[in-house]
Amino acid sequence: MEWILQTLMMMGAAAASIFIQRDSPNFEVVQGMMAILALVGCVLLITFAFRKK
């Protein structure tokens, strides 16, 4: 279960570094928000991939 969180946080860090600098005081907040967005995106991709037409 821990690897899922680590993967999401790495994806969030990569996305957050596009918007703000890594040494910014609120980088962790933006990283968390981007990780949540990545989780929502993955769930949506899985949902649309396995839906019945």
Protein backbone atom coordinates (compact mmCIF):
# COMPACT_ATOMS: atom_id res chain seq x y z
CA MET A 1 0.00 0.00 0.00
CA GLU A 2 2.92 2.31 0.70
CA TRP A 3 4.21 2.07 -2.88
CA ILE A 4 0.94 3.54 -4.17
CA LEU A 5 1.34 6.61 -1.97
CA GLN A 6 5.00 7.00 -2.90
CA THR A 7 4.16 6.77 -6.60
CA LEU A 8 1.39 9.35 -6.27
CA MET A 9 3.66 11.70 -4.33
CA MET A 10 6.40 11.37 -6.97
CA MET A 11 3.84 12.19 -9.66
CA GLY A 12 2.64 15.11 -7.56
CA ALA A 13 6.18 16.37 -7.06
CA ALA A 14 6.85 16.28 -10.79
CA ALA A 15 3.64 18.16 -11.55
CA ALA A 16 4.14 20.67 -8.73
CA SER A 17 7.67 21.48 -9.86
CA ILE A 18 6.18 22.77 -13.11
CA PHE A 19 4.21 25.41 -11.21
CA ILE A 20 6.44 26.38 -8.26
CA GLN A 21 10.06 26.01 -7.15
CA ARG A 22 11.00 22.99 -5.02
CA ASP A 23 12.40 25.21 -2.25
CA SER A 24 9.15 27.16 -1.91
CA PRO A 25 7.64 26.99 1.58
CA ASN A 26 4.33 25.60 0.33
CA PHE A 27 5.74 23.03 -2.09
CA GLU A 28 4.44 20.12 0.00
CA VAL A 29 0.91 21.54 -0.09
CA VAL A 30 0.96 21.87 -3.87
CA GLN A 31 2.57 18.43 -4.15
CA GLY A 32 -0.27 16.93 -2.12
CA MET A 33 -2.88 18.64 -4.27
CA MET A 34 -1.21 17.36 -7.43
CA ALA A 35 -1.03 13.85 -5.95
CA ILE A 36 -4.78 13.97 -5.30
CA LEU A 37 -5.36 15.11 -8.87
CA ALA A 38 -3.17 12.25 -10.13
CA LEU A 39 -5.21 9.78 -8.07
CA VAL A 40 -8.47 11.14 -9.46
CA GLY A 41 -7.06 10.99 -12.99
CA CYS A 42 -5.98 7.36 -12.58
CA VAL A 43 -9.38 6.38 -11.21
CA LEU A 44 -11.11 8.11 -14.12
CA LEU A 45 -8.86 6.38 -16.65
CA ILE A 46 -9.58 2.99 -15.11
CA THR A 47 -13.30 3.74 -14.97
CA PHE A 48 -13.51 4.76 -18.61
CA ALA A 49 -11.31 1.87 -19.74
CA PHE A 50 -13.53 -0.81 -18.19
CA ARG A 51 -16.99 0.64 -18.77
CA LYS A 52 -19.46 -1.29 -20.86
CA LYS A 53 -20.67 0.32 -24.04
